[in-house]
Amino acid sequence: MEGDLQDIRVMVIDDSNTIRRTAETLLSKAGCEVVTATDGFDSLAKIADCEPDVIFVDIMMPRLDGYQTCALIKNNSQYQNTPVIMLSSKDGLFDKAKGRIVGADDYLTKPFSKSELFEVLERFVKKPSAAGSDLE
């Protein structure tokens, strides 16, 4: 599982230092390149430099929340096909629906486990070199 994540570029946007550090540690150990951002504005400043393969964004953040951040990312033609996974401590239907409206591809409830994190990543990040190896 983790070997398939080698060299995947992941952006984690969350105002919680704990969540950022946890995700960064787990993903880095799996071989991912990880860029973190503390809020939506911080992420928009970094996204062009790192060109992530997948983006995890917290819903509740100061200044620019996750819904606004997701909408801005998805409205940019360069990133509209980049998977955006919303992160939230709430597991409500309303939050999930609102995420879909702004273009989110999936929803992960915090705190998340290592297996949940990797499962979501594998669902959205397909490496060309791994084509045909789905039978493993």
N, C-alpha and C. Protein backbone atom coordinates (compact mmCIF):
# COMPACT_ATOMS: atom_id res chain seq x y z
N MET A 1 0.83 -1.20 0.00
CA MET A 1 0.00 0.00 0.00
C MET A 1 0.86 1.25 0.00
N GLU A 2 1.74 1.38 0.99
CA GLU A 2 2.50 2.60 1.14
C GLU A 2 3.52 2.80 0.02
N GLY A 3 4.03 1.71 -0.55
CA GLY A 3 5.02 1.82 -1.61
C GLY A 3 4.47 2.49 -2.85
N ASP A 4 3.16 2.35 -3.08
CA ASP A 4 2.53 2.95 -4.25
C ASP A 4 2.45 4.47 -4.14
N LEU A 5 2.73 5.01 -2.98
CA LEU A 5 2.60 6.45 -2.75
C LEU A 5 3.91 7.20 -2.96
N GLN A 6 4.94 6.51 -3.39
CA GLN A 6 6.26 7.12 -3.59
C GLN A 6 6.16 8.31 -4.55
N ASP A 7 6.73 9.43 -4.14
CA ASP A 7 6.81 10.65 -4.95
C ASP A 7 5.48 11.33 -5.25
N ILE A 8 4.42 10.96 -4.55
CA ILE A 8 3.14 11.65 -4.69
C ILE A 8 3.27 12.98 -3.94
N ARG A 9 2.85 14.07 -4.59
CA ARG A 9 2.91 15.39 -3.95
C ARG A 9 1.57 15.67 -3.28
N VAL A 10 1.62 15.88 -1.96
CA VAL A 10 0.41 16.09 -1.17
C VAL A 10 0.49 17.43 -0.45
N MET A 11 -0.60 18.19 -0.51
CA MET A 11 -0.69 19.42 0.27
C MET A 11 -1.70 19.19 1.39
N VAL A 12 -1.30 19.55 2.61
CA VAL A 12 -2.18 19.43 3.77
C VAL A 12 -2.42 20.84 4.31
N ILE A 13 -3.68 21.28 4.28
CA ILE A 13 -4.04 22.62 4.73
C ILE A 13 -4.89 22.48 5.98
N ASP A 14 -4.34 22.91 7.11
CA ASP A 14 -5.07 22.80 8.38
C ASP A 14 -4.46 23.78 9.37
N ASP A 15 -5.30 24.47 10.12
CA ASP A 15 -4.77 25.42 11.11
C ASP A 15 -4.28 24.70 12.36
N SER A 16 -4.55 23.40 12.48
CA SER A 16 -4.07 22.62 13.62
C SER A 16 -2.68 22.08 13.34
N ASN A 17 -1.72 22.52 14.16
CA ASN A 17 -0.35 22.05 14.02
C ASN A 17 -0.27 20.54 14.19
N THR A 18 -1.08 19.99 15.09
CA THR A 18 -1.08 18.55 15.35
C THR A 18 -1.50 17.77 14.11
N ILE A 19 -2.57 18.19 13.47
CA ILE A 19 -3.05 17.50 12.26
C ILE A 19 -2.01 17.61 11.15
N ARG A 20 -1.47 18.81 10.96
CA ARG A 20 -0.44 18.99 9.91
C ARG A 20 0.75 18.08 10.15
N ARG A 21 1.25 18.07 11.39
CA ARG A 21 2.43 17.24 11.71
C ARG A 21 2.14 15.76 11.56
N THR A 22 0.97 15.33 12.04
CA THR A 22 0.60 13.91 11.95
C THR A 22 0.52 13.47 10.49
N ALA A 23 -0.21 14.23 9.68
CA ALA A 23 -0.34 13.88 8.26
C ALA A 23 1.01 13.92 7.56
N GLU A 24 1.80 14.94 7.85
CA GLU A 24 3.11 15.07 7.22
C GLU A 24 4.01 13.88 7.57
N THR A 25 4.02 13.48 8.83
CA THR A 25 4.84 12.35 9.27
C THR A 25 4.41 11.06 8.58
N LEU A 26 3.12 10.76 8.62
CA LEU A 26 2.61 9.53 8.00
C LEU A 26 2.89 9.49 6.51
N LEU A 27 2.62 10.60 5.83
CA LEU A 27 2.78 10.64 4.38
C LEU A 27 4.24 10.63 3.96
N SER A 28 5.08 11.33 4.70
CA SER A 28 6.52 11.36 4.39
C SER A 28 7.13 9.97 4.53
N LYS A 29 6.74 9.26 5.58
CA LYS A 29 7.25 7.90 5.79
C LYS A 29 6.84 6.97 4.66
N ALA A 30 5.71 7.27 4.01
CA ALA A 30 5.23 6.46 2.89
C ALA A 30 5.87 6.88 1.57
N GLY A 31 6.72 7.91 1.61
CA GLY A 31 7.42 8.34 0.41
C GLY A 31 6.81 9.53 -0.31
N CYS A 32 5.77 10.12 0.26
CA CYS A 32 5.14 11.28 -0.36
C CYS A 32 5.97 12.54 -0.13
N GLU A 33 5.86 13.48 -1.06
CA GLU A 33 6.39 14.82 -0.84
C GLU A 33 5.24 15.60 -0.22
N VAL A 34 5.46 16.20 0.93
CA VAL A 34 4.36 16.87 1.64
C VAL A 34 4.66 18.35 1.81
N VAL A 35 3.68 19.17 1.46
CA VAL A 35 3.74 20.61 1.71
C VAL A 35 2.56 20.93 2.61
N THR A 36 2.82 21.68 3.67
CA THR A 36 1.73 22.04 4.58
C THR A 36 1.45 23.54 4.50
N ALA A 37 0.21 23.88 4.83
CA ALA A 37 -0.21 25.28 4.86
C ALA A 37 -1.11 25.46 6.07
N THR A 38 -1.03 26.63 6.69
CA THR A 38 -1.78 26.88 7.92
C THR A 38 -3.21 27.36 7.68
N ASP A 39 -3.49 27.87 6.49
CA ASP A 39 -4.85 28.31 6.15
C ASP A 39 -4.98 28.44 4.64
N GLY A 40 -6.16 28.85 4.20
CA GLY A 40 -6.42 28.96 2.77
C GLY A 40 -5.49 29.91 2.04
N PHE A 41 -5.24 31.07 2.63
CA PHE A 41 -4.35 32.04 1.98
C PHE A 41 -2.94 31.49 1.84
N ASP A 42 -2.46 30.85 2.90
CA ASP A 42 -1.13 30.24 2.89
C ASP A 42 -1.05 29.19 1.77
N SER A 43 -2.11 28.40 1.62
CA SER A 43 -2.11 27.35 0.60
C SER A 43 -2.09 27.93 -0.81
N LEU A 44 -2.83 29.00 -1.03
CA LEU A 44 -2.88 29.61 -2.36
C LEU A 44 -1.52 30.17 -2.75
N ALA A 45 -0.76 30.62 -1.76
CA ALA A 45 0.58 31.14 -2.02
C ALA A 45 1.56 30.01 -2.37
N LYS A 46 1.29 28.79 -1.89
CA LYS A 46 2.22 27.67 -2.08
C LYS A 46 1.84 26.71 -3.20
N ILE A 47 0.58 26.72 -3.60
CA ILE A 47 0.08 25.68 -4.50
C ILE A 47 0.79 25.67 -5.86
N ALA A 48 1.10 26.82 -6.41
CA ALA A 48 1.76 26.87 -7.72
C ALA A 48 3.17 26.31 -7.67
N ASP A 49 3.84 26.50 -6.54
CA ASP A 49 5.21 25.99 -6.40
C ASP A 49 5.25 24.47 -6.25
N CYS A 50 4.30 23.91 -5.53
CA CYS A 50 4.38 22.47 -5.26
C CYS A 50 3.56 21.62 -6.22
N GLU A 51 2.57 22.22 -6.91
CA GLU A 51 1.71 21.49 -7.84
C GLU A 51 1.32 20.11 -7.30
N PRO A 52 0.50 20.10 -6.25
CA PRO A 52 0.16 18.83 -5.58
C PRO A 52 -0.67 17.89 -6.45
N ASP A 53 -0.52 16.59 -6.18
CA ASP A 53 -1.33 15.56 -6.84
C ASP A 53 -2.67 15.41 -6.12
N VAL A 54 -2.68 15.75 -4.84
CA VAL A 54 -3.91 15.67 -4.03
C VAL A 54 -3.80 16.70 -2.90
N ILE A 55 -4.95 17.24 -2.50
CA ILE A 55 -4.97 18.29 -1.47
C ILE A 55 -5.96 17.89 -0.38
N PHE A 56 -5.49 17.95 0.87
CA PHE A 56 -6.35 17.77 2.03
C PHE A 56 -6.57 19.15 2.63
N VAL A 57 -7.83 19.54 2.85
CA VAL A 57 -8.09 20.87 3.39
C VAL A 57 -9.12 20.80 4.52
N ASP A 58 -8.77 21.41 5.64
CA ASP A 58 -9.66 21.49 6.80
C ASP A 58 -10.81 22.44 6.48
N ILE A 59 -11.98 22.13 6.97
CA ILE A 59 -13.14 22.99 6.73
C ILE A 59 -13.08 24.26 7.56
N MET A 60 -12.83 24.12 8.85
CA MET A 60 -12.87 25.26 9.76
C MET A 60 -11.48 25.85 9.96
N MET A 61 -11.22 26.98 9.28
CA MET A 61 -9.94 27.68 9.42
C MET A 61 -10.20 29.18 9.45
N PRO A 62 -9.30 29.92 10.08
CA PRO A 62 -9.45 31.37 10.09
C PRO A 62 -9.18 31.97 8.70
N ARG A 63 -9.60 33.18 8.50
CA ARG A 63 -9.37 33.97 7.29
C ARG A 63 -10.10 33.40 6.07
N LEU A 64 -9.66 32.28 5.56
CA LEU A 64 -10.28 31.67 4.37
C LEU A 64 -10.58 30.21 4.73
N ASP A 65 -11.87 29.88 4.87
CA ASP A 65 -12.18 28.52 5.33
C ASP A 65 -12.00 27.48 4.22
N GLY A 66 -12.18 26.22 4.58
CA GLY A 66 -11.95 25.13 3.64
C GLY A 66 -12.86 25.14 2.44
N TYR A 67 -14.12 25.53 2.63
CA TYR A 67 -15.06 25.58 1.51
C TYR A 67 -14.61 26.64 0.50
N GLN A 68 -14.24 27.82 1.00
CA GLN A 68 -13.78 28.90 0.12
C GLN A 68 -12.48 28.50 -0.59
N THR A 69 -11.58 27.87 0.17
CA THR A 69 -10.31 27.43 -0.40
C THR A 69 -10.54 26.40 -1.50
N CYS A 70 -11.39 25.42 -1.24
CA CYS A 70 -11.70 24.39 -2.22
C CYS A 70 -12.30 25.02 -3.48
N ALA A 71 -13.24 25.93 -3.31
CA ALA A 71 -13.88 26.58 -4.46
C ALA A 71 -12.86 27.33 -5.30
N LEU A 72 -11.94 28.05 -4.66
CA LEU A 72 -10.90 28.78 -5.39
C LEU A 72 -9.99 27.83 -6.16
N ILE A 73 -9.62 26.73 -5.54
CA ILE A 73 -8.76 25.74 -6.20
C ILE A 73 -9.48 25.14 -7.40
N LYS A 74 -10.72 24.72 -7.21
CA LYS A 74 -11.48 24.06 -8.27
C LYS A 74 -11.86 25.02 -9.41
N ASN A 75 -11.93 26.31 -9.12
CA ASN A 75 -12.25 27.29 -10.16
C ASN A 75 -11.03 27.69 -10.99
N ASN A 76 -9.85 27.22 -10.59
CA ASN A 76 -8.63 27.48 -11.34
C ASN A 76 -8.43 26.32 -12.32
N SER A 77 -8.39 26.62 -13.61
CA SER A 77 -8.31 25.56 -14.62
C SER A 77 -7.10 24.65 -14.44
N GLN A 78 -6.03 25.17 -13.88
CA GLN A 78 -4.82 24.38 -13.68
C GLN A 78 -5.00 23.30 -12.60
N TYR A 79 -5.90 23.55 -11.64
CA TYR A 79 -6.06 22.63 -10.51
C TYR A 79 -7.45 22.01 -10.42
N GLN A 80 -8.32 22.28 -11.38
CA GLN A 80 -9.70 21.80 -11.27
C GLN A 80 -9.81 20.28 -11.22
N ASN A 81 -8.82 19.57 -11.76
CA ASN A 81 -8.85 18.11 -11.72
C ASN A 81 -8.04 17.52 -10.57
N THR A 82 -7.44 18.39 -9.75
CA THR A 82 -6.69 17.93 -8.59
C THR A 82 -7.68 17.52 -7.50
N PRO A 83 -7.60 16.29 -7.01
CA PRO A 83 -8.53 15.86 -5.96
C PRO A 83 -8.37 16.69 -4.68
N VAL A 84 -9.50 17.16 -4.15
CA VAL A 84 -9.51 17.90 -2.89
C VAL A 84 -10.34 17.10 -1.89
N ILE A 85 -9.72 16.76 -0.77
CA ILE A 85 -10.40 16.01 0.28
C ILE A 85 -10.60 16.92 1.48
N MET A 86 -11.84 17.10 1.88
CA MET A 86 -12.16 17.96 3.01
C MET A 86 -11.89 17.21 4.32
N LEU A 87 -11.33 17.93 5.30
CA LEU A 87 -11.08 17.38 6.63
C LEU A 87 -11.97 18.10 7.63
N SER A 88 -12.62 17.35 8.51
CA SER A 88 -13.45 17.98 9.53
C SER A 88 -13.63 17.06 10.72
N SER A 89 -13.78 17.67 11.88
CA SER A 89 -14.06 16.89 13.08
C SER A 89 -15.55 16.56 13.14
N LYS A 90 -16.34 17.20 12.27
CA LYS A 90 -17.78 16.91 12.19
C LYS A 90 -18.00 15.86 11.11
N ASP A 91 -18.97 15.00 11.33
CA ASP A 91 -19.27 13.97 10.35
C ASP A 91 -20.70 14.16 9.83
N GLY A 92 -21.10 15.41 9.70
CA GLY A 92 -22.47 15.70 9.33
C GLY A 92 -22.75 15.66 7.84
N LEU A 93 -23.97 15.29 7.50
CA LEU A 93 -24.41 15.22 6.12
C LEU A 93 -24.35 16.60 5.46
N PHE A 94 -24.71 17.64 6.22
CA PHE A 94 -24.69 19.01 5.68
C PHE A 94 -23.28 19.41 5.26
N ASP A 95 -22.29 19.11 6.12
CA ASP A 95 -20.90 19.47 5.81
C ASP A 95 -20.41 18.74 4.57
N LYS A 96 -20.78 17.47 4.45
CA LYS A 96 -20.37 16.69 3.28
C LYS A 96 -21.02 17.24 2.02
N ALA A 97 -22.31 17.57 2.11
CA ALA A 97 -23.03 18.10 0.95
C ALA A 97 -22.44 19.45 0.52
N LYS A 98 -22.15 20.30 1.48
CA LYS A 98 -21.57 21.60 1.17
C LYS A 98 -20.20 21.43 0.50
N GLY A 99 -19.44 20.45 0.97
CA GLY A 99 -18.15 20.15 0.36
C GLY A 99 -18.30 19.75 -1.10
N ARG A 100 -19.28 18.91 -1.39
CA ARG A 100 -19.54 18.49 -2.77
C ARG A 100 -19.92 19.67 -3.65
N ILE A 101 -20.72 20.58 -3.09
CA ILE A 101 -21.16 21.75 -3.85
C ILE A 101 -19.97 22.60 -4.30
N VAL A 102 -18.97 22.75 -3.45
CA VAL A 102 -17.80 23.57 -3.81
C VAL A 102 -16.75 22.78 -4.58
N GLY A 103 -17.03 21.50 -4.85
CA GLY A 103 -16.14 20.73 -5.70
C GLY A 103 -15.26 19.71 -5.02
N ALA A 104 -15.44 19.51 -3.71
CA ALA A 104 -14.60 18.53 -3.00
C ALA A 104 -14.85 17.13 -3.55
N ASP A 105 -13.79 16.34 -3.59
CA ASP A 105 -13.89 14.99 -4.13
C ASP A 105 -14.20 13.95 -3.06
N ASP A 106 -13.86 14.25 -1.81
CA ASP A 106 -14.13 13.30 -0.73
C ASP A 106 -14.08 14.04 0.60
N TYR A 107 -14.32 13.30 1.67
CA TYR A 107 -14.46 13.88 3.00
C TYR A 107 -13.85 12.91 3.99
N LEU A 108 -12.96 13.40 4.84
CA LEU A 108 -12.31 12.56 5.85
C LEU A 108 -12.54 13.18 7.22
N THR A 109 -13.06 12.37 8.14
CA THR A 109 -13.36 12.87 9.48
C THR A 109 -12.13 12.77 10.37
N LYS A 110 -11.84 13.86 11.09
CA LYS A 110 -10.72 13.89 12.04
C LYS A 110 -11.23 13.43 13.41
N PRO A 111 -10.42 12.77 14.20
CA PRO A 111 -9.08 12.31 13.84
C PRO A 111 -9.17 11.10 12.91
N PHE A 112 -8.27 11.05 11.94
CA PHE A 112 -8.27 9.95 10.99
C PHE A 112 -7.14 8.98 11.31
N SER A 113 -7.31 7.75 10.92
CA SER A 113 -6.27 6.74 11.14
C SER A 113 -5.32 6.72 9.94
N LYS A 114 -4.20 6.10 10.13
CA LYS A 114 -3.22 5.95 9.05
C LYS A 114 -3.87 5.23 7.86
N SER A 115 -4.61 4.17 8.14
CA SER A 115 -5.24 3.40 7.05
C SER A 115 -6.30 4.22 6.32
N GLU A 116 -7.06 5.04 7.05
CA GLU A 116 -8.06 5.90 6.40
C GLU A 116 -7.39 6.91 5.48
N LEU A 117 -6.30 7.50 5.95
CA LEU A 117 -5.56 8.49 5.17
C LEU A 117 -5.04 7.87 3.88
N PHE A 118 -4.40 6.70 3.99
CA PHE A 118 -3.84 6.04 2.80
C PHE A 118 -4.92 5.53 1.86
N GLU A 119 -6.04 5.08 2.44
CA GLU A 119 -7.15 4.59 1.61
C GLU A 119 -7.68 5.71 0.72
N VAL A 120 -7.86 6.89 1.29
CA VAL A 120 -8.34 8.03 0.52
C VAL A 120 -7.32 8.42 -0.56
N LEU A 121 -6.05 8.46 -0.18
CA LEU A 121 -5.00 8.80 -1.15
C LEU A 121 -5.00 7.83 -2.32
N GLU A 122 -5.04 6.55 -2.03
CA GLU A 122 -4.98 5.55 -3.09
C GLU A 122 -6.19 5.61 -4.00
N ARG A 123 -7.31 6.04 -3.48
CA ARG A 123 -8.52 6.14 -4.28
C ARG A 123 -8.37 7.22 -5.36
N PHE A 124 -7.61 8.26 -5.06
CA PHE A 124 -7.54 9.40 -5.98
C PHE A 124 -6.23 9.56 -6.73
N VAL A 125 -5.18 8.93 -6.26
CA VAL A 125 -3.88 9.12 -6.89
C VAL A 125 -3.46 7.83 -7.58
N LYS A 126 -3.51 7.86 -8.88
CA LYS A 126 -3.09 6.71 -9.67
C LYS A 126 -1.81 7.08 -10.39
N LYS A 127 -0.75 6.35 -10.09
CA LYS A 127 0.52 6.61 -10.76
C LYS A 127 0.56 5.82 -12.07
N PRO A 128 0.99 6.47 -13.16
CA PRO A 128 1.05 5.78 -14.46
C PRO A 128 1.89 4.50 -14.40
N SER A 129 2.98 4.50 -13.63
CA SER A 129 3.86 3.33 -13.54
C SER A 129 3.17 2.16 -12.84
N ALA A 130 2.10 2.44 -12.11
CA ALA A 130 1.39 1.40 -11.37
C ALA A 130 0.23 0.82 -12.20
N ALA A 131 0.09 1.27 -13.44
CA ALA A 131 -1.00 0.80 -14.29
C ALA A 131 -0.90 -0.71 -14.48
N GLY A 132 -2.02 -1.38 -14.31
CA GLY A 132 -2.04 -2.82 -14.48
C GLY A 132 -1.64 -3.59 -13.24
N SER A 133 -1.26 -2.91 -12.19
CA SER A 133 -0.85 -3.62 -10.97
C SER A 133 -1.97 -3.62 -9.93
N ASP A 134 -3.19 -3.42 -10.39
CA ASP A 134 -4.34 -3.41 -9.48
C ASP A 134 -4.67 -4.80 -8.94
N LEU A 135 -4.06 -5.84 -9.50
CA LEU A 135 -4.36 -7.20 -9.09
C LEU A 135 -3.63 -7.62 -7.84
N GLU A 136 -2.72 -6.81 -7.35
CA GLU A 136 -1.94 -7.15 -6.16
C GLU A 136 -2.80 -7.24 -4.94
